[in-house]
mmCIF file of all heavy atoms, coordinates in Angstrom:
data_MODEL
# 
_entry.id   MODEL 
# 
loop_
_atom_site.group_PDB 
_atom_site.id 
_atom_site.type_symbol 
_atom_site.label_atom_id 
_atom_site.label_alt_id 
_atom_site.label_comp_id 
_atom_site.label_asym_id 
_atom_site.label_entity_id 
_atom_site.label_seq_id 
_atom_site.pdbx_PDB_ins_code 
_atom_site.Cartn_x 
_atom_site.Cartn_y 
_atom_site.Cartn_z 
_atom_site.occupancy 
_atom_site.B_iso_or_equiv 
_atom_site.pdbx_formal_charge 
_atom_site.auth_seq_id 
_atom_site.auth_comp_id 
_atom_site.auth_asym_id 
_atom_site.auth_atom_id 
_atom_site.pdbx_PDB_model_num 
ATOM 1   N N   . GLN A 1 1  ? 11.323 -0.579 4.710   1.00 0.00 ? 1  GLN A N   1 
ATOM 2   C CA  . GLN A 1 1  ? 11.959 -1.754 5.337   1.00 0.00 ? 1  GLN A CA  1 
ATOM 3   C C   . GLN A 1 1  ? 11.005 -2.496 6.264   1.00 0.00 ? 1  GLN A C   1 
ATOM 4   O O   . GLN A 1 1  ? 11.346 -3.563 6.774   1.00 0.00 ? 1  GLN A O   1 
ATOM 5   C CB  . GLN A 1 1  ? 13.201 -1.319 6.115   1.00 0.00 ? 1  GLN A CB  1 
ATOM 6   C CG  . GLN A 1 1  ? 14.302 -0.694 5.239   1.00 0.00 ? 1  GLN A CG  1 
ATOM 7   C CD  . GLN A 1 1  ? 15.449 -0.088 6.080   1.00 0.00 ? 1  GLN A CD  1 
ATOM 8   O OE1 . GLN A 1 1  ? 15.389 -0.103 7.294   1.00 0.00 ? 1  GLN A OE1 1 
ATOM 9   N NE2 . GLN A 1 1  ? 16.435 0.414  5.377   1.00 0.00 ? 1  GLN A NE2 1 
ATOM 10  N N   . LEU A 1 2  ? 9.836  -1.907 6.519   1.00 0.00 ? 2  LEU A N   1 
ATOM 11  C CA  . LEU A 1 2  ? 8.915  -2.504 7.487   1.00 0.00 ? 2  LEU A CA  1 
ATOM 12  C C   . LEU A 1 2  ? 7.726  -3.190 6.779   1.00 0.00 ? 2  LEU A C   1 
ATOM 13  O O   . LEU A 1 2  ? 7.090  -2.580 5.925   1.00 0.00 ? 2  LEU A O   1 
ATOM 14  C CB  . LEU A 1 2  ? 8.371  -1.405 8.426   1.00 0.00 ? 2  LEU A CB  1 
ATOM 15  C CG  . LEU A 1 2  ? 9.382  -0.734 9.349   1.00 0.00 ? 2  LEU A CG  1 
ATOM 16  C CD1 . LEU A 1 2  ? 8.731  0.419  10.087  1.00 0.00 ? 2  LEU A CD1 1 
ATOM 17  C CD2 . LEU A 1 2  ? 9.952  -1.753 10.331  1.00 0.00 ? 2  LEU A CD2 1 
ATOM 18  N N   . PRO A 1 3  ? 7.416  -4.424 7.147   1.00 0.00 ? 3  PRO A N   1 
ATOM 19  C CA  . PRO A 1 3  ? 6.285  -5.132 6.535   1.00 0.00 ? 3  PRO A CA  1 
ATOM 20  C C   . PRO A 1 3  ? 4.946  -4.476 6.845   1.00 0.00 ? 3  PRO A C   1 
ATOM 21  O O   . PRO A 1 3  ? 3.953  -4.735 6.178   1.00 0.00 ? 3  PRO A O   1 
ATOM 22  C CB  . PRO A 1 3  ? 6.380  -6.544 7.146   1.00 0.00 ? 3  PRO A CB  1 
ATOM 23  C CG  . PRO A 1 3  ? 7.164  -6.375 8.387   1.00 0.00 ? 3  PRO A CG  1 
ATOM 24  C CD  . PRO A 1 3  ? 8.117  -5.259 8.128   1.00 0.00 ? 3  PRO A CD  1 
ATOM 25  N N   . GLU A 1 4  ? 4.893  -3.663 7.898   1.00 0.00 ? 4  GLU A N   1 
ATOM 26  C CA  . GLU A 1 4  ? 3.658  -2.982 8.266   1.00 0.00 ? 4  GLU A CA  1 
ATOM 27  C C   . GLU A 1 4  ? 3.084  -2.141 7.149   1.00 0.00 ? 4  GLU A C   1 
ATOM 28  O O   . GLU A 1 4  ? 1.867  -1.920 7.089   1.00 0.00 ? 4  GLU A O   1 
ATOM 29  C CB  . GLU A 1 4  ? 3.897  -2.071 9.479   1.00 0.00 ? 4  GLU A CB  1 
ATOM 30  C CG  . GLU A 1 4  ? 4.071  -2.800 10.806  1.00 0.00 ? 4  GLU A CG  1 
ATOM 31  C CD  . GLU A 1 4  ? 5.522  -3.244 11.057  1.00 0.00 ? 4  GLU A CD  1 
ATOM 32  O OE1 . GLU A 1 4  ? 6.260  -3.421 10.073  1.00 0.00 ? 4  GLU A OE1 1 
ATOM 33  O OE2 . GLU A 1 4  ? 5.892  -3.386 12.228  1.00 0.00 ? 4  GLU A OE2 1 
ATOM 34  N N   . PHE A 1 5  ? 3.940  -1.651 6.231   1.00 0.00 ? 5  PHE A N   1 
ATOM 35  C CA  . PHE A 1 5  ? 3.470  -0.753 5.192   1.00 0.00 ? 5  PHE A CA  1 
ATOM 36  C C   . PHE A 1 5  ? 3.166  -1.454 3.871   1.00 0.00 ? 5  PHE A C   1 
ATOM 37  O O   . PHE A 1 5  ? 2.800  -0.787 2.899   1.00 0.00 ? 5  PHE A O   1 
ATOM 38  C CB  . PHE A 1 5  ? 4.530  0.345  4.938   1.00 0.00 ? 5  PHE A CB  1 
ATOM 39  C CG  . PHE A 1 5  ? 4.629  1.334  6.059   1.00 0.00 ? 5  PHE A CG  1 
ATOM 40  C CD1 . PHE A 1 5  ? 5.598  1.202  7.052   1.00 0.00 ? 5  PHE A CD1 1 
ATOM 41  C CD2 . PHE A 1 5  ? 3.762  2.402  6.149   1.00 0.00 ? 5  PHE A CD2 1 
ATOM 42  C CE1 . PHE A 1 5  ? 5.695  2.127  8.095   1.00 0.00 ? 5  PHE A CE1 1 
ATOM 43  C CE2 . PHE A 1 5  ? 3.849  3.334  7.163   1.00 0.00 ? 5  PHE A CE2 1 
ATOM 44  C CZ  . PHE A 1 5  ? 4.821  3.202  8.137   1.00 0.00 ? 5  PHE A CZ  1 
ATOM 45  N N   . TYR A 1 6  ? 3.293  -2.767 3.835   1.00 0.00 ? 6  TYR A N   1 
ATOM 46  C CA  . TYR A 1 6  ? 3.022  -3.501 2.611   1.00 0.00 ? 6  TYR A CA  1 
ATOM 47  C C   . TYR A 1 6  ? 1.702  -4.264 2.723   1.00 0.00 ? 6  TYR A C   1 
ATOM 48  O O   . TYR A 1 6  ? 1.077  -4.295 3.786   1.00 0.00 ? 6  TYR A O   1 
ATOM 49  C CB  . TYR A 1 6  ? 4.196  -4.460 2.307   1.00 0.00 ? 6  TYR A CB  1 
ATOM 50  C CG  . TYR A 1 6  ? 5.440  -3.733 1.885   1.00 0.00 ? 6  TYR A CG  1 
ATOM 51  C CD1 . TYR A 1 6  ? 6.384  -3.279 2.829   1.00 0.00 ? 6  TYR A CD1 1 
ATOM 52  C CD2 . TYR A 1 6  ? 5.678  -3.419 0.552   1.00 0.00 ? 6  TYR A CD2 1 
ATOM 53  C CE1 . TYR A 1 6  ? 7.518  -2.589 2.457   1.00 0.00 ? 6  TYR A CE1 1 
ATOM 54  C CE2 . TYR A 1 6  ? 6.833  -2.738 0.150   1.00 0.00 ? 6  TYR A CE2 1 
ATOM 55  C CZ  . TYR A 1 6  ? 7.739  -2.309 1.122   1.00 0.00 ? 6  TYR A CZ  1 
ATOM 56  O OH  . TYR A 1 6  ? 8.857  -1.627 0.736   1.00 0.00 ? 6  TYR A OH  1 
ATOM 57  N N   . ALA A 1 7  ? 1.274  -4.849 1.603   1.00 0.00 ? 7  ALA A N   1 
ATOM 58  C CA  . ALA A 1 7  ? -0.001 -5.563 1.555   1.00 0.00 ? 7  ALA A CA  1 
ATOM 59  C C   . ALA A 1 7  ? -0.085 -6.569 2.689   1.00 0.00 ? 7  ALA A C   1 
ATOM 60  O O   . ALA A 1 7  ? 0.829  -7.367 2.887   1.00 0.00 ? 7  ALA A O   1 
ATOM 61  C CB  . ALA A 1 7  ? -0.168 -6.250 0.208   1.00 0.00 ? 7  ALA A CB  1 
ATOM 62  N N   . GLY A 1 8  ? -1.190 -6.536 3.425   1.00 0.00 ? 8  GLY A N   1 
ATOM 63  C CA  . GLY A 1 8  ? -1.392 -7.431 4.550   1.00 0.00 ? 8  GLY A CA  1 
ATOM 64  C C   . GLY A 1 8  ? -0.845 -6.885 5.858   1.00 0.00 ? 8  GLY A C   1 
ATOM 65  O O   . GLY A 1 8  ? -1.055 -7.505 6.912   1.00 0.00 ? 8  GLY A O   1 
ATOM 66  N N   . GLY A 1 9  ? -0.149 -5.752 5.783   1.00 0.00 ? 9  GLY A N   1 
ATOM 67  C CA  . GLY A 1 9  ? 0.435  -5.150 6.984   1.00 0.00 ? 9  GLY A CA  1 
ATOM 68  C C   . GLY A 1 9  ? -0.587 -4.331 7.775   1.00 0.00 ? 9  GLY A C   1 
ATOM 69  O O   . GLY A 1 9  ? -1.695 -4.071 7.306   1.00 0.00 ? 9  GLY A O   1 
ATOM 70  N N   . ARG A 1 10 ? -0.179 -3.908 8.951   1.00 0.00 ? 10 ARG A N   1 
ATOM 71  C CA  . ARG A 1 10 ? -1.069 -3.150 9.834   1.00 0.00 ? 10 ARG A CA  1 
ATOM 72  C C   . ARG A 1 10 ? -1.519 -1.835 9.206   1.00 0.00 ? 10 ARG A C   1 
ATOM 73  O O   . ARG A 1 10 ? -2.666 -1.412 9.375   1.00 0.00 ? 10 ARG A O   1 
ATOM 74  C CB  . ARG A 1 10 ? -0.368 -2.893 11.180  1.00 0.00 ? 10 ARG A CB  1 
ATOM 75  C CG  . ARG A 1 10 ? -1.072 -1.915 12.119  1.00 0.00 ? 10 ARG A CG  1 
ATOM 76  C CD  . ARG A 1 10 ? -2.400 -2.474 12.570  1.00 0.00 ? 10 ARG A CD  1 
ATOM 77  N NE  . ARG A 1 10 ? -3.082 -1.549 13.488  1.00 0.00 ? 10 ARG A NE  1 
ATOM 78  C CZ  . ARG A 1 10 ? -3.861 -0.534 13.077  1.00 0.00 ? 10 ARG A CZ  1 
ATOM 79  N NH1 . ARG A 1 10 ? -4.024 -0.289 11.795  1.00 0.00 ? 10 ARG A NH1 1 
ATOM 80  N NH2 . ARG A 1 10 ? -4.471 0.247  13.973  1.00 0.00 ? 10 ARG A NH2 1 
ATOM 81  N N   . ASN A 1 11 ? -0.620 -1.169 8.489   1.00 0.00 ? 11 ASN A N   1 
ATOM 82  C CA  . ASN A 1 11 ? -0.945 0.102  7.826   1.00 0.00 ? 11 ASN A CA  1 
ATOM 83  C C   . ASN A 1 11 ? -0.502 0.055  6.368   1.00 0.00 ? 11 ASN A C   1 
ATOM 84  O O   . ASN A 1 11 ? 0.415  0.759  5.961   1.00 0.00 ? 11 ASN A O   1 
ATOM 85  C CB  . ASN A 1 11 ? -0.291 1.275  8.557   1.00 0.00 ? 11 ASN A CB  1 
ATOM 86  C CG  . ASN A 1 11 ? -0.932 1.567  9.897   1.00 0.00 ? 11 ASN A CG  1 
ATOM 87  O OD1 . ASN A 1 11 ? -0.664 0.845  10.849  1.00 0.00 ? 11 ASN A OD1 1 
ATOM 88  N ND2 . ASN A 1 11 ? -1.734 2.570  9.953   1.00 0.00 ? 11 ASN A ND2 1 
ATOM 89  N N   . THR A 1 12 ? -1.156 -0.760 5.584   1.00 0.00 ? 12 THR A N   1 
ATOM 90  C CA  . THR A 1 12 ? -0.768 -0.960 4.194   1.00 0.00 ? 12 THR A CA  1 
ATOM 91  C C   . THR A 1 12 ? -0.702 0.369  3.442   1.00 0.00 ? 12 THR A C   1 
ATOM 92  O O   . THR A 1 12 ? -1.676 1.152  3.426   1.00 0.00 ? 12 THR A O   1 
ATOM 93  C CB  . THR A 1 12 ? -1.773 -1.881 3.472   1.00 0.00 ? 12 THR A CB  1 
ATOM 94  O OG1 . THR A 1 12 ? -1.824 -3.133 4.168   1.00 0.00 ? 12 THR A OG1 1 
ATOM 95  C CG2 . THR A 1 12 ? -1.346 -2.098 2.042   1.00 0.00 ? 12 THR A CG2 1 
ATOM 96  N N   . PHE A 1 13 ? 0.450  0.622  2.839   1.00 0.00 ? 13 PHE A N   1 
ATOM 97  C CA  . PHE A 1 13 ? 0.625  1.846  2.046   1.00 0.00 ? 13 PHE A CA  1 
ATOM 98  C C   . PHE A 1 13 ? 1.169  1.521  0.659   1.00 0.00 ? 13 PHE A C   1 
ATOM 99  O O   . PHE A 1 13 ? 0.609  1.901  -0.345  1.00 0.00 ? 13 PHE A O   1 
ATOM 100 C CB  . PHE A 1 13 ? 1.566  2.832  2.765   1.00 0.00 ? 13 PHE A CB  1 
ATOM 101 C CG  . PHE A 1 13 ? 1.704  4.147  2.075   1.00 0.00 ? 13 PHE A CG  1 
ATOM 102 C CD1 . PHE A 1 13 ? 0.767  5.154  2.298   1.00 0.00 ? 13 PHE A CD1 1 
ATOM 103 C CD2 . PHE A 1 13 ? 2.731  4.384  1.181   1.00 0.00 ? 13 PHE A CD2 1 
ATOM 104 C CE1 . PHE A 1 13 ? 0.883  6.373  1.646   1.00 0.00 ? 13 PHE A CE1 1 
ATOM 105 C CE2 . PHE A 1 13 ? 2.845  5.590  0.514   1.00 0.00 ? 13 PHE A CE2 1 
ATOM 106 C CZ  . PHE A 1 13 ? 1.926  6.591  0.752   1.00 0.00 ? 13 PHE A CZ  1 
ATOM 107 N N   . PHE A 1 14 ? 2.281  0.785  0.614   1.00 0.00 ? 14 PHE A N   1 
ATOM 108 C CA  . PHE A 1 14 ? 2.914  0.458  -0.656  1.00 0.00 ? 14 PHE A CA  1 
ATOM 109 C C   . PHE A 1 14 ? 2.172  -0.703 -1.323  1.00 0.00 ? 14 PHE A C   1 
ATOM 110 O O   . PHE A 1 14 ? 1.994  -1.773 -0.707  1.00 0.00 ? 14 PHE A O   1 
ATOM 111 C CB  . PHE A 1 14 ? 4.394  0.100  -0.444  1.00 0.00 ? 14 PHE A CB  1 
ATOM 112 C CG  . PHE A 1 14 ? 5.168  1.181  0.243   1.00 0.00 ? 14 PHE A CG  1 
ATOM 113 C CD1 . PHE A 1 14 ? 5.640  1.010  1.527   1.00 0.00 ? 14 PHE A CD1 1 
ATOM 114 C CD2 . PHE A 1 14 ? 5.405  2.403  -0.392  1.00 0.00 ? 14 PHE A CD2 1 
ATOM 115 C CE1 . PHE A 1 14 ? 6.361  2.007  2.170   1.00 0.00 ? 14 PHE A CE1 1 
ATOM 116 C CE2 . PHE A 1 14 ? 6.121  3.403  0.249   1.00 0.00 ? 14 PHE A CE2 1 
ATOM 117 C CZ  . PHE A 1 14 ? 6.599  3.210  1.522   1.00 0.00 ? 14 PHE A CZ  1 
ATOM 118 N N   . LEU A 1 15 ? 1.790  -0.504 -2.577  1.00 0.00 ? 15 LEU A N   1 
ATOM 119 C CA  . LEU A 1 15 ? 1.032  -1.524 -3.299  1.00 0.00 ? 15 LEU A CA  1 
ATOM 120 C C   . LEU A 1 15 ? 1.789  -1.861 -4.595  1.00 0.00 ? 15 LEU A C   1 
ATOM 121 O O   . LEU A 1 15 ? 2.386  -0.990 -5.227  1.00 0.00 ? 15 LEU A O   1 
ATOM 122 C CB  . LEU A 1 15 ? -0.381 -1.026 -3.625  1.00 0.00 ? 15 LEU A CB  1 
ATOM 123 C CG  . LEU A 1 15 ? -1.239 -0.618 -2.405  1.00 0.00 ? 15 LEU A CG  1 
ATOM 124 C CD1 . LEU A 1 15 ? -2.503 0.089  -2.859  1.00 0.00 ? 15 LEU A CD1 1 
ATOM 125 C CD2 . LEU A 1 15 ? -1.573 -1.850 -1.573  1.00 0.00 ? 15 LEU A CD2 1 
ATOM 126 N N   . ASP A 1 16 ? 1.706  -3.118 -4.999  1.00 0.00 ? 16 ASP A N   1 
ATOM 127 C CA  . ASP A 1 16 ? 2.407  -3.557 -6.206  1.00 0.00 ? 16 ASP A CA  1 
ATOM 128 C C   . ASP A 1 16 ? 1.777  -2.966 -7.479  1.00 0.00 ? 16 ASP A C   1 
ATOM 129 O O   . ASP A 1 16 ? 2.482  -2.685 -8.450  1.00 0.00 ? 16 ASP A O   1 
ATOM 130 C CB  . ASP A 1 16 ? 2.408  -5.082 -6.293  1.00 0.00 ? 16 ASP A CB  1 
ATOM 131 C CG  . ASP A 1 16 ? 3.231  -5.720 -5.188  1.00 0.00 ? 16 ASP A CG  1 
ATOM 132 O OD1 . ASP A 1 16 ? 4.199  -5.061 -4.728  1.00 0.00 ? 16 ASP A OD1 1 
ATOM 133 O OD2 . ASP A 1 16 ? 2.927  -6.859 -4.763  1.00 0.00 ? 16 ASP A OD2 1 
ATOM 134 N N   . ASN A 1 17 ? 0.454  -2.797 -7.445  1.00 0.00 ? 17 ASN A N   1 
ATOM 135 C CA  . ASN A 1 17 ? -0.256 -2.280 -8.603  1.00 0.00 ? 17 ASN A CA  1 
ATOM 136 C C   . ASN A 1 17 ? -0.173 -0.745 -8.590  1.00 0.00 ? 17 ASN A C   1 
ATOM 137 O O   . ASN A 1 17 ? -0.757 -0.092 -7.748  1.00 0.00 ? 17 ASN A O   1 
ATOM 138 C CB  . ASN A 1 17 ? -1.726 -2.728 -8.552  1.00 0.00 ? 17 ASN A CB  1 
ATOM 139 C CG  . ASN A 1 17 ? -2.495 -2.309 -9.780  1.00 0.00 ? 17 ASN A CG  1 
ATOM 140 O OD1 . ASN A 1 17 ? -2.222 -1.302 -10.420 1.00 0.00 ? 17 ASN A OD1 1 
ATOM 141 N ND2 . ASN A 1 17 ? -3.494 -3.099 -10.154 1.00 0.00 ? 17 ASN A ND2 1 
ATOM 142 N N   . PRO A 1 18 ? 0.566  -0.146 -9.559  1.00 0.00 ? 18 PRO A N   1 
ATOM 143 C CA  . PRO A 1 18 ? 0.749  1.327  -9.561  1.00 0.00 ? 18 PRO A CA  1 
ATOM 144 C C   . PRO A 1 18 ? -0.566 2.086  -9.732  1.00 0.00 ? 18 PRO A C   1 
ATOM 145 O O   . PRO A 1 18 ? -0.737 3.161  -9.187  1.00 0.00 ? 18 PRO A O   1 
ATOM 146 C CB  . PRO A 1 18 ? 1.713  1.588  -10.710 1.00 0.00 ? 18 PRO A CB  1 
ATOM 147 C CG  . PRO A 1 18 ? 1.610  0.370  -11.586 1.00 0.00 ? 18 PRO A CG  1 
ATOM 148 C CD  . PRO A 1 18 ? 1.287  -0.771 -10.681 1.00 0.00 ? 18 PRO A CD  1 
ATOM 149 N N   . TRP A 1 19 ? -1.490 1.535  -10.521 1.00 0.00 ? 19 TRP A N   1 
ATOM 150 C CA  . TRP A 1 19 ? -2.797 2.183  -10.707 1.00 0.00 ? 19 TRP A CA  1 
ATOM 151 C C   . TRP A 1 19 ? -3.551 2.260  -9.376  1.00 0.00 ? 19 TRP A C   1 
ATOM 152 O O   . TRP A 1 19 ? -4.134 3.302  -9.029  1.00 0.00 ? 19 TRP A O   1 
ATOM 153 C CB  . TRP A 1 19 ? -3.605 1.478  -11.759 1.00 0.00 ? 19 TRP A CB  1 
ATOM 154 C CG  . TRP A 1 19 ? -3.051 1.584  -13.144 1.00 0.00 ? 19 TRP A CG  1 
ATOM 155 C CD1 . TRP A 1 19 ? -2.315 0.675  -13.832 1.00 0.00 ? 19 TRP A CD1 1 
ATOM 156 C CD2 . TRP A 1 19 ? -3.195 2.725  -14.019 1.00 0.00 ? 19 TRP A CD2 1 
ATOM 157 N NE1 . TRP A 1 19 ? -1.963 1.163  -15.060 1.00 0.00 ? 19 TRP A NE1 1 
ATOM 158 C CE2 . TRP A 1 19 ? -2.504 2.418  -15.214 1.00 0.00 ? 19 TRP A CE2 1 
ATOM 159 C CE3 . TRP A 1 19 ? -3.829 3.973  -13.891 1.00 0.00 ? 19 TRP A CE3 1 
ATOM 160 C CZ2 . TRP A 1 19 ? -2.427 3.301  -16.270 1.00 0.00 ? 19 TRP A CZ2 1 
ATOM 161 C CZ3 . TRP A 1 19 ? -3.757 4.853  -14.955 1.00 0.00 ? 19 TRP A CZ3 1 
ATOM 162 C CH2 . TRP A 1 19 ? -3.059 4.531  -16.130 1.00 0.00 ? 19 TRP A CH2 1 
ATOM 163 N N   . LEU A 1 20 ? -3.552 1.147  -8.677  1.00 0.00 ? 20 LEU A N   1 
ATOM 164 C CA  . LEU A 1 20 ? -4.231 1.106  -7.380  1.00 0.00 ? 20 LEU A CA  1 
ATOM 165 C C   . LEU A 1 20 ? -3.530 2.019  -6.388  1.00 0.00 ? 20 LEU A C   1 
ATOM 166 O O   . LEU A 1 20 ? -4.182 2.737  -5.626  1.00 0.00 ? 20 LEU A O   1 
ATOM 167 C CB  . LEU A 1 20 ? -4.256 -0.323 -6.859  1.00 0.00 ? 20 LEU A CB  1 
ATOM 168 C CG  . LEU A 1 20 ? -5.059 -0.581 -5.591  1.00 0.00 ? 20 LEU A CG  1 
ATOM 169 C CD1 . LEU A 1 20 ? -6.537 -0.251 -5.811  1.00 0.00 ? 20 LEU A CD1 1 
ATOM 170 C CD2 . LEU A 1 20 ? -4.917 -2.036 -5.148  1.00 0.00 ? 20 LEU A CD2 1 
ATOM 171 N N   . PHE A 1 21 ? -2.183 2.012  -6.418  1.00 0.00 ? 21 PHE A N   1 
ATOM 172 C CA  . PHE A 1 21 ? -1.408 2.814  -5.479  1.00 0.00 ? 21 PHE A CA  1 
ATOM 173 C C   . PHE A 1 21 ? -1.709 4.304  -5.654  1.00 0.00 ? 21 PHE A C   1 
ATOM 174 O O   . PHE A 1 21 ? -1.962 5.021  -4.668  1.00 0.00 ? 21 PHE A O   1 
ATOM 175 C CB  . PHE A 1 21 ? 0.066  2.548  -5.675  1.00 0.00 ? 21 PHE A CB  1 
ATOM 176 C CG  . PHE A 1 21 ? 0.975  3.421  -4.842  1.00 0.00 ? 21 PHE A CG  1 
ATOM 177 C CD1 . PHE A 1 21 ? 1.168  3.149  -3.499  1.00 0.00 ? 21 PHE A CD1 1 
ATOM 178 C CD2 . PHE A 1 21 ? 1.639  4.514  -5.386  1.00 0.00 ? 21 PHE A CD2 1 
ATOM 179 C CE1 . PHE A 1 21 ? 1.999  3.953  -2.712  1.00 0.00 ? 21 PHE A CE1 1 
ATOM 180 C CE2 . PHE A 1 21 ? 2.468  5.327  -4.619  1.00 0.00 ? 21 PHE A CE2 1 
ATOM 181 C CZ  . PHE A 1 21 ? 2.630  5.037  -3.281  1.00 0.00 ? 21 PHE A CZ  1 
ATOM 182 N N   . TRP A 1 22 ? -1.678 4.794  -6.883  1.00 0.00 ? 22 TRP A N   1 
ATOM 183 C CA  . TRP A 1 22 ? -1.806 6.232  -7.125  1.00 0.00 ? 22 TRP A CA  1 
ATOM 184 C C   . TRP A 1 22 ? -3.277 6.700  -7.182  1.00 0.00 ? 22 TRP A C   1 
ATOM 185 O O   . TRP A 1 22 ? -3.560 7.857  -6.888  1.00 0.00 ? 22 TRP A O   1 
ATOM 186 C CB  . TRP A 1 22 ? -1.116 6.611  -8.423  1.00 0.00 ? 22 TRP A CB  1 
ATOM 187 C CG  . TRP A 1 22 ? 0.383  6.598  -8.275  1.00 0.00 ? 22 TRP A CG  1 
ATOM 188 C CD1 . TRP A 1 22 ? 1.238  5.643  -8.742  1.00 0.00 ? 22 TRP A CD1 1 
ATOM 189 C CD2 . TRP A 1 22 ? 1.201  7.593  -7.646  1.00 0.00 ? 22 TRP A CD2 1 
ATOM 190 N NE1 . TRP A 1 22 ? 2.535  5.966  -8.418  1.00 0.00 ? 22 TRP A NE1 1 
ATOM 191 C CE2 . TRP A 1 22 ? 2.548  7.143  -7.769  1.00 0.00 ? 22 TRP A CE2 1 
ATOM 192 C CE3 . TRP A 1 22 ? 0.916  8.794  -7.012  1.00 0.00 ? 22 TRP A CE3 1 
ATOM 193 C CZ2 . TRP A 1 22 ? 3.603  7.890  -7.237  1.00 0.00 ? 22 TRP A CZ2 1 
ATOM 194 C CZ3 . TRP A 1 22 ? 1.966  9.526  -6.488  1.00 0.00 ? 22 TRP A CZ3 1 
ATOM 195 C CH2 . TRP A 1 22 ? 3.302  9.087  -6.600  1.00 0.00 ? 22 TRP A CH2 1 
ATOM 196 N N   . LEU A 1 23 ? -4.180 5.817  -7.559  1.00 0.00 ? 23 LEU A N   1 
ATOM 197 C CA  . LEU A 1 23 ? -5.557 6.273  -7.776  1.00 0.00 ? 23 LEU A CA  1 
ATOM 198 C C   . LEU A 1 23 ? -6.532 5.899  -6.669  1.00 0.00 ? 23 LEU A C   1 
ATOM 199 O O   . LEU A 1 23 ? -7.384 6.685  -6.279  1.00 0.00 ? 23 LEU A O   1 
ATOM 200 C CB  . LEU A 1 23 ? -6.072 5.735  -9.112  1.00 0.00 ? 23 LEU A CB  1 
ATOM 201 C CG  . LEU A 1 23 ? -5.321 6.202  -10.369 1.00 0.00 ? 23 LEU A CG  1 
ATOM 202 C CD1 . LEU A 1 23 ? -5.956 5.593  -11.641 1.00 0.00 ? 23 LEU A CD1 1 
ATOM 203 C CD2 . LEU A 1 23 ? -5.280 7.722  -10.460 1.00 0.00 ? 23 LEU A CD2 1 
ATOM 204 N N   . ALA A 1 24 ? -6.434 4.646  -6.179  1.00 0.00 ? 24 ALA A N   1 
ATOM 205 C CA  . ALA A 1 24 ? -7.495 4.166  -5.274  1.00 0.00 ? 24 ALA A CA  1 
ATOM 206 C C   . ALA A 1 24 ? -6.978 3.616  -3.942  1.00 0.00 ? 24 ALA A C   1 
ATOM 207 O O   . ALA A 1 24 ? -7.769 3.085  -3.165  1.00 0.00 ? 24 ALA A O   1 
ATOM 208 C CB  . ALA A 1 24 ? -8.319 3.103  -5.993  1.00 0.00 ? 24 ALA A CB  1 
ATOM 209 N N   . GLY A 1 25 ? -5.702 3.703  -3.687  1.00 0.00 ? 25 GLY A N   1 
ATOM 210 C CA  . GLY A 1 25 ? -5.170 3.219  -2.397  1.00 0.00 ? 25 GLY A CA  1 
ATOM 211 C C   . GLY A 1 25 ? -5.788 4.001  -1.239  1.00 0.00 ? 25 GLY A C   1 
ATOM 212 O O   . GLY A 1 25 ? -5.832 5.243  -1.296  1.00 0.00 ? 25 GLY A O   1 
ATOM 213 N N   . PRO A 1 26 ? -6.257 3.354  -0.189  1.00 0.00 ? 26 PRO A N   1 
ATOM 214 C CA  . PRO A 1 26 ? -6.898 4.066  0.938   1.00 0.00 ? 26 PRO A CA  1 
ATOM 215 C C   . PRO A 1 26 ? -6.022 5.142  1.537   1.00 0.00 ? 26 PRO A C   1 
ATOM 216 O O   . PRO A 1 26 ? -6.501 6.187  2.002   1.00 0.00 ? 26 PRO A O   1 
ATOM 217 C CB  . PRO A 1 26 ? -7.170 2.940  1.931   1.00 0.00 ? 26 PRO A CB  1 
ATOM 218 C CG  . PRO A 1 26 ? -7.237 1.695  1.136   1.00 0.00 ? 26 PRO A CG  1 
ATOM 219 C CD  . PRO A 1 26 ? -6.243 1.891  0.035   1.00 0.00 ? 26 PRO A CD  1 
ATOM 220 N N   . ARG A 1 27 ? -4.705 4.907  1.552   1.00 0.00 ? 27 ARG A N   1 
ATOM 221 C CA  . ARG A 1 27 ? -3.805 5.879  2.160   1.00 0.00 ? 27 ARG A CA  1 
ATOM 222 C C   . ARG A 1 27 ? -2.955 6.610  1.122   1.00 0.00 ? 27 ARG A C   1 
ATOM 223 O O   . ARG A 1 27 ? -2.455 7.705  1.372   1.00 0.00 ? 27 ARG A O   1 
ATOM 224 C CB  . ARG A 1 27 ? -2.874 5.182  3.175   1.00 0.00 ? 27 ARG A CB  1 
ATOM 225 C CG  . ARG A 1 27 ? -3.621 4.568  4.334   1.00 0.00 ? 27 ARG A CG  1 
ATOM 226 C CD  . ARG A 1 27 ? -2.690 3.833  5.297   1.00 0.00 ? 27 ARG A CD  1 
ATOM 227 N NE  . ARG A 1 27 ? -3.402 3.320  6.452   1.00 0.00 ? 27 ARG A NE  1 
ATOM 228 C CZ  . ARG A 1 27 ? -3.952 2.124  6.522   1.00 0.00 ? 27 ARG A CZ  1 
ATOM 229 N NH1 . ARG A 1 27 ? -3.849 1.297  5.491   1.00 0.00 ? 27 ARG A NH1 1 
ATOM 230 N NH2 . ARG A 1 27 ? -4.593 1.733  7.618   1.00 0.00 ? 27 ARG A NH2 1 
ATOM 231 N N   . SER A 1 28 ? -2.772 6.002  -0.035  1.00 0.00 ? 28 SER A N   1 
ATOM 232 C CA  . SER A 1 28 ? -1.873 6.567  -1.053  1.00 0.00 ? 28 SER A CA  1 
ATOM 233 C C   . SER A 1 28 ? -2.576 7.110  -2.268  1.00 0.00 ? 28 SER A C   1 
ATOM 234 O O   . SER A 1 28 ? -1.989 7.856  -3.059  1.00 0.00 ? 28 SER A O   1 
ATOM 235 C CB  . SER A 1 28 ? -0.889 5.485  -1.517  1.00 0.00 ? 28 SER A CB  1 
ATOM 236 O OG  . SER A 1 28 ? -1.593 4.422  -2.145  1.00 0.00 ? 28 SER A OG  1 
# 
């Protein structure tokens, strides 16, 4: 529910691209 965890947020975690999210996301 917090924009902080999405792209452009202070602590980006959730990413629209599943490949990036699961394989190369800095936090995920």
